[in-house]
Amino acid sequence: MKTNAAALWLAIAGAALIGAGIWLGQPAAVLAKAARICLECVGIG
């Protein structure tokens, strides 16, 4: 039963951190960095 409780708390903590990242606008920053890295690999950026 302890394992299930620990897994539940970790899932709740993970969901809270994902929600905080979305609230702070991090998906846009991650997308911009990914596009920049991709363009550098191709040789355009």
N, C-alpha and C. Protein backbone atom coordinates (compact mmCIF):
# COMPACT_ATOMS: atom_id res chain seq x y z
N MET A 1 0.82 -1.20 0.00
CA MET A 1 0.00 0.00 0.00
C MET A 1 0.87 1.26 0.00
N LYS A 2 2.06 1.21 0.64
CA LYS A 2 2.94 2.37 0.66
C LYS A 2 3.42 2.72 -0.74
N THR A 3 3.67 1.71 -1.57
CA THR A 3 4.15 1.97 -2.92
C THR A 3 3.09 2.72 -3.73
N ASN A 4 1.84 2.34 -3.56
CA ASN A 4 0.77 3.02 -4.28
C ASN A 4 0.63 4.47 -3.81
N ALA A 5 0.79 4.71 -2.53
CA ALA A 5 0.69 6.07 -2.00
C ALA A 5 1.85 6.92 -2.51
N ALA A 6 3.05 6.36 -2.55
CA ALA A 6 4.20 7.10 -3.06
C ALA A 6 4.02 7.42 -4.54
N ALA A 7 3.53 6.47 -5.31
CA ALA A 7 3.29 6.69 -6.73
C ALA A 7 2.23 7.77 -6.94
N LEU A 8 1.22 7.77 -6.12
CA LEU A 8 0.17 8.79 -6.22
C LEU A 8 0.73 10.17 -5.93
N TRP A 9 1.53 10.28 -4.87
CA TRP A 9 2.12 11.60 -4.54
C TRP A 9 3.08 12.07 -5.64
N LEU A 10 3.84 11.17 -6.21
CA LEU A 10 4.73 11.55 -7.30
C LEU A 10 3.95 11.99 -8.53
N ALA A 11 2.85 11.32 -8.82
CA ALA A 11 2.02 11.72 -9.95
C ALA A 11 1.40 13.09 -9.73
N ILE A 12 0.96 13.36 -8.50
CA ILE A 12 0.38 14.66 -8.17
C ILE A 12 1.45 15.75 -8.28
N ALA A 13 2.64 15.48 -7.77
CA ALA A 13 3.73 16.45 -7.85
C ALA A 13 4.12 16.72 -9.30
N GLY A 14 4.19 15.67 -10.11
CA GLY A 14 4.51 15.83 -11.52
C GLY A 14 3.47 16.67 -12.25
N ALA A 15 2.20 16.39 -11.99
CA ALA A 15 1.13 17.16 -12.61
C ALA A 15 1.19 18.62 -12.19
N ALA A 16 1.51 18.87 -10.92
CA ALA A 16 1.60 20.25 -10.44
C ALA A 16 2.76 20.98 -11.11
N LEU A 17 3.89 20.32 -11.28
CA LEU A 17 5.03 20.96 -11.94
C LEU A 17 4.77 21.20 -13.42
N ILE A 18 4.10 20.27 -14.08
CA ILE A 18 3.73 20.48 -15.48
C ILE A 18 2.77 21.65 -15.60
N GLY A 19 1.80 21.72 -14.70
CA GLY A 19 0.87 22.84 -14.70
C GLY A 19 1.57 24.17 -14.46
N ALA A 20 2.53 24.19 -13.56
CA ALA A 20 3.28 25.42 -13.28
C ALA A 20 4.09 25.84 -14.51
N GLY A 21 4.68 24.90 -15.20
CA GLY A 21 5.44 25.21 -16.40
C GLY A 21 4.57 25.78 -17.50
N ILE A 22 3.39 25.21 -17.67
CA ILE A 22 2.46 25.73 -18.67
C ILE A 22 2.00 27.12 -18.28
N TRP A 23 1.72 27.33 -17.01
CA TRP A 23 1.25 28.63 -16.53
C TRP A 23 2.30 29.71 -16.72
N LEU A 24 3.57 29.34 -16.61
CA LEU A 24 4.67 30.30 -16.76
C LEU A 24 5.08 30.51 -18.22
N GLY A 25 4.45 29.81 -19.15
CA GLY A 25 4.74 30.01 -20.56
C GLY A 25 5.94 29.25 -21.07
N GLN A 26 6.31 28.18 -20.44
CA GLN A 26 7.50 27.44 -20.84
C GLN A 26 7.35 26.66 -22.15
N PRO A 27 6.15 26.21 -22.53
CA PRO A 27 6.06 25.49 -23.82
C PRO A 27 6.54 26.34 -25.00
N ALA A 28 6.26 27.62 -24.98
CA ALA A 28 6.72 28.49 -26.07
C ALA A 28 8.24 28.59 -26.08
N ALA A 29 8.85 28.67 -24.91
CA ALA A 29 10.31 28.74 -24.84
C ALA A 29 10.95 27.44 -25.32
N VAL A 30 10.37 26.32 -24.95
CA VAL A 30 10.91 25.03 -25.38
C VAL A 30 10.78 24.88 -26.90
N LEU A 31 9.66 25.30 -27.46
CA LEU A 31 9.47 25.22 -28.91
C LEU A 31 10.47 26.10 -29.64
N ALA A 32 10.71 27.29 -29.13
CA ALA A 32 11.66 28.20 -29.77
C ALA A 32 13.07 27.62 -29.73
N LYS A 33 13.46 27.04 -28.61
CA LYS A 33 14.80 26.44 -28.50
C LYS A 33 14.93 25.23 -29.42
N ALA A 34 13.87 24.42 -29.50
CA ALA A 34 13.91 23.24 -30.37
C ALA A 34 14.03 23.64 -31.82
N ALA A 35 13.32 24.67 -32.23
CA ALA A 35 13.40 25.13 -33.61
C ALA A 35 14.80 25.67 -33.91
N ARG A 36 15.38 26.39 -32.98
CA ARG A 36 16.72 26.94 -33.17
C ARG A 36 17.75 25.81 -33.31
N ILE A 37 17.65 24.80 -32.46
CA ILE A 37 18.59 23.67 -32.53
C ILE A 37 18.41 22.92 -33.85
N CYS A 38 17.17 22.73 -34.27
CA CYS A 38 16.91 22.02 -35.52
C CYS A 38 17.49 22.77 -36.70
N LEU A 39 17.32 24.08 -36.72
CA LEU A 39 17.86 24.87 -37.83
C LEU A 39 19.38 24.86 -37.83
N GLU A 40 20.00 24.82 -36.65
CA GLU A 40 21.46 24.75 -36.57
C GLU A 40 21.96 23.41 -37.11
N CYS A 41 21.23 22.34 -36.85
CA CYS A 41 21.64 21.02 -37.35
C CYS A 41 21.59 20.97 -38.87
N VAL A 42 20.60 21.62 -39.45
CA VAL A 42 20.45 21.62 -40.90
C VAL A 42 21.48 22.56 -41.53
N GLY A 43 21.93 23.55 -40.78
CA GLY A 43 22.92 24.48 -41.28
C GLY A 43 22.33 25.81 -41.70
N ILE A 44 21.07 26.04 -41.41
CA ILE A 44 20.42 27.30 -41.78
C ILE A 44 20.64 28.35 -40.71
N GLY A 45 20.58 27.93 -39.45
CA GLY A 45 20.61 28.88 -38.33
C GLY A 45 21.95 29.24 -37.92
